[in-house]
Amino acid sequence: MSYDVKVVNAAPTPILVVRRRAQISQLSKVVPEGCGAVWNFIKANNVTPRGRNVAVYRPTGTPEFALEIGVEVGAGAAGGGEVVLSSTPGGEAVTAAHVGPYSMLKNAHDAVQAWCAAHNRQIAGPSWEVYGHWTEDQSKLRTDVFYLLKP
């Protein structure tokens, strides 16, 4: 699959999240569990969600990522317990849309990183994924991958 990689000005989006630490091999379990925890909080507290599930990845210098996993919400939303209000990173970012199974998301990340190397752009640290609405047909799943760029 080829990817249309482009630079965008990403606006911070409010998200209710749980914070986790995980290695790459654990993401397919940790991300859905984190989203589920936030959705349970949203339903129990009558919070109006704004949209999609999100995972923000922050490098730690170790094999683990520091993760914020959650759901897009309006700016006035409030968390409670382990669910906290955060936001996606804001600023100049490079992005690509992946359409297909989550197991192939690495290809989109590789394409974005290759684009950065080819265009002499440096990644600032955090990356994030915004998951489109669920469908049983994995060939139609859309995930937008973002990496914040250094100025």
Protein backbone atom coordinates (compact mmCIF):
# COMPACT_ATOMS: atom_id res chain seq x y z
CA MET A 1 0.00 0.00 0.00
CA SER A 2 1.30 3.46 -0.82
CA TYR A 3 0.66 6.35 1.53
CA ASP A 4 -0.09 10.00 0.81
CA VAL A 5 2.15 11.65 3.41
CA LYS A 6 1.57 15.34 4.04
CA VAL A 7 2.38 18.12 6.48
CA VAL A 8 -0.51 19.68 8.41
CA ASN A 9 -1.02 22.20 11.18
CA ALA A 10 -2.53 19.94 13.82
CA ALA A 11 -4.82 21.67 16.30
CA PRO A 12 -4.83 20.18 19.81
CA THR A 13 -7.99 18.14 20.30
CA PRO A 14 -9.38 17.54 23.82
CA ILE A 15 -9.39 13.86 24.78
CA LEU A 16 -10.38 11.98 27.90
CA VAL A 17 -7.66 9.41 28.51
CA VAL A 18 -6.16 6.78 30.74
CA ARG A 19 -2.38 6.71 31.03
CA ARG A 20 -0.51 3.50 30.45
CA ARG A 21 3.00 2.23 29.70
CA ALA A 22 3.46 -0.55 27.15
CA GLN A 23 5.90 -2.09 24.73
CA ILE A 24 5.06 -2.42 21.05
CA SER A 25 4.15 -6.09 21.48
CA GLN A 26 1.50 -5.13 24.07
CA LEU A 27 -0.25 -2.36 22.11
CA SER A 28 -2.90 -4.58 20.49
CA LYS A 29 -4.16 -5.39 24.01
CA VAL A 30 -3.42 -2.17 25.93
CA VAL A 31 -4.95 0.31 23.44
CA PRO A 32 -8.38 -1.38 23.16
CA GLU A 33 -8.51 -1.90 26.94
CA GLY A 34 -7.69 1.78 27.50
CA CYS A 35 -10.36 2.92 25.04
CA GLY A 36 -12.85 0.63 26.77
CA ALA A 37 -12.03 2.11 30.18
CA VAL A 38 -12.64 5.63 28.87
CA TRP A 39 -15.88 4.66 27.10
CA ASN A 40 -17.11 3.06 30.33
CA PHE A 41 -16.36 6.34 32.15
CA ILE A 42 -18.10 8.38 29.42
CA LYS A 43 -21.26 6.24 29.62
CA ALA A 44 -21.32 6.16 33.44
CA ASN A 45 -20.88 9.94 33.70
CA ASN A 46 -23.09 11.07 30.78
CA VAL A 47 -20.16 12.76 29.02
CA THR A 48 -20.90 13.65 25.41
CA PRO A 49 -18.12 12.21 23.25
CA ARG A 50 -17.04 14.21 20.23
CA GLY A 51 -15.80 11.35 18.19
CA ARG A 52 -13.07 8.88 17.67
CA ASN A 53 -10.67 6.84 19.75
CA VAL A 54 -7.11 8.17 20.03
CA ALA A 55 -3.76 6.87 21.25
CA VAL A 56 -0.89 9.29 21.91
CA TYR A 57 2.58 7.74 22.08
CA ARG A 58 5.40 9.47 23.92
CA PRO A 59 8.88 7.95 23.64
CA THR A 60 10.55 7.23 26.98
CA GLY A 61 14.06 6.25 25.89
CA THR A 62 13.21 2.67 26.90
CA PRO A 63 11.40 -0.13 25.03
CA GLU A 64 8.13 1.17 26.55
CA PHE A 65 5.95 4.02 25.39
CA ALA A 66 4.13 6.36 27.75
CA LEU A 67 0.60 6.25 26.35
CA GLU A 68 -2.50 8.36 26.62
CA ILE A 69 -5.42 6.31 25.33
CA GLY A 70 -8.91 7.68 25.00
CA VAL A 71 -11.71 9.41 23.17
CA GLU A 72 -12.18 12.83 21.56
CA VAL A 73 -14.47 15.04 23.67
CA GLY A 74 -15.59 18.66 23.88
CA ALA A 75 -13.39 21.21 25.64
CA GLY A 76 -15.64 21.32 28.71
CA ALA A 77 -15.37 17.60 29.50
CA ALA A 78 -13.95 16.53 32.85
CA GLY A 79 -12.39 13.30 33.95
CA GLY A 80 -12.46 11.45 37.25
CA GLY A 81 -10.44 8.72 38.88
CA GLU A 82 -7.92 7.36 36.40
CA VAL A 83 -9.63 9.13 33.48
CA VAL A 84 -8.13 12.58 32.90
CA LEU A 85 -8.58 15.39 30.39
CA SER A 86 -5.66 15.79 28.00
CA SER A 87 -5.24 16.73 24.34
CA THR A 88 -3.51 15.59 21.22
CA PRO A 89 -0.27 17.47 20.45
CA GLY A 90 -0.59 20.67 18.48
CA GLY A 91 1.65 22.19 15.85
CA GLU A 92 3.22 21.24 12.56
CA ALA A 93 2.84 17.51 12.04
CA VAL A 94 3.31 14.95 9.31
CA THR A 95 0.44 12.55 8.69
CA ALA A 96 -0.71 9.61 6.62
CA ALA A 97 -4.01 7.73 6.53
CA HIS A 98 -3.89 3.96 6.85
CA VAL A 99 -6.85 2.00 5.53
CA GLY A 100 -6.82 -1.64 6.51
CA PRO A 101 -6.21 -3.90 9.48
CA TYR A 102 -4.60 -2.50 12.59
CA SER A 103 -1.96 -5.22 12.31
CA MET A 104 -0.60 -3.35 9.27
CA LEU A 105 -0.42 0.10 10.92
CA LYS A 106 3.36 -0.21 11.15
CA ASN A 107 3.46 0.38 7.38
CA ALA A 108 1.95 3.86 7.80
CA HIS A 109 4.42 4.69 10.57
CA ASP A 110 7.28 3.48 8.38
CA ALA A 111 6.04 5.61 5.45
CA VAL A 112 5.84 8.75 7.61
CA GLN A 113 9.31 8.16 9.07
CA ALA A 114 10.75 7.51 5.59
CA TRP A 115 9.15 10.74 4.35
CA CYS A 116 10.76 12.65 7.23
CA ALA A 117 14.18 11.21 6.40
CA ALA A 118 13.78 11.97 2.68
CA HIS A 119 12.69 15.58 3.39
CA ASN A 120 15.22 16.23 6.17
CA ARG A 121 12.50 16.78 8.77
CA GLN A 122 12.94 15.77 12.39
CA ILE A 123 10.25 14.25 14.57
CA ALA A 124 9.68 16.22 17.78
CA GLY A 125 8.78 13.25 19.97
CA PRO A 126 5.10 12.38 20.30
CA SER A 127 3.07 10.57 17.70
CA TRP A 128 -0.60 9.72 17.75
CA GLU A 129 -3.20 7.63 16.01
CA VAL A 130 -6.81 8.65 15.46
CA TYR A 131 -8.99 5.62 14.79
CA GLY A 132 -11.96 5.89 12.46
CA HIS A 133 -15.29 4.40 13.38
CA TRP A 134 -15.29 0.64 13.85
CA THR A 135 -16.35 -1.75 11.12
CA GLU A 136 -16.18 -5.55 11.08
CA ASP A 137 -14.62 -5.29 7.61
CA GLN A 138 -10.97 -4.77 8.55
CA SER A 139 -10.11 -3.74 5.00
CA LYS A 140 -12.17 -0.56 5.60
CA LEU A 141 -10.71 0.48 8.98
CA ARG A 142 -9.17 3.95 8.78
CA THR A 143 -6.46 5.17 11.12
CA ASP A 144 -4.77 8.56 10.76
CA VAL A 145 -1.15 8.50 11.95
CA PHE A 146 0.50 11.75 13.06
CA TYR A 147 4.03 12.72 14.14
CA LEU A 148 4.77 16.14 15.60
CA LEU A 149 7.63 17.84 13.73
CA LYS A 150 10.45 19.98 15.07
CA PRO A 151 10.29 23.54 13.71
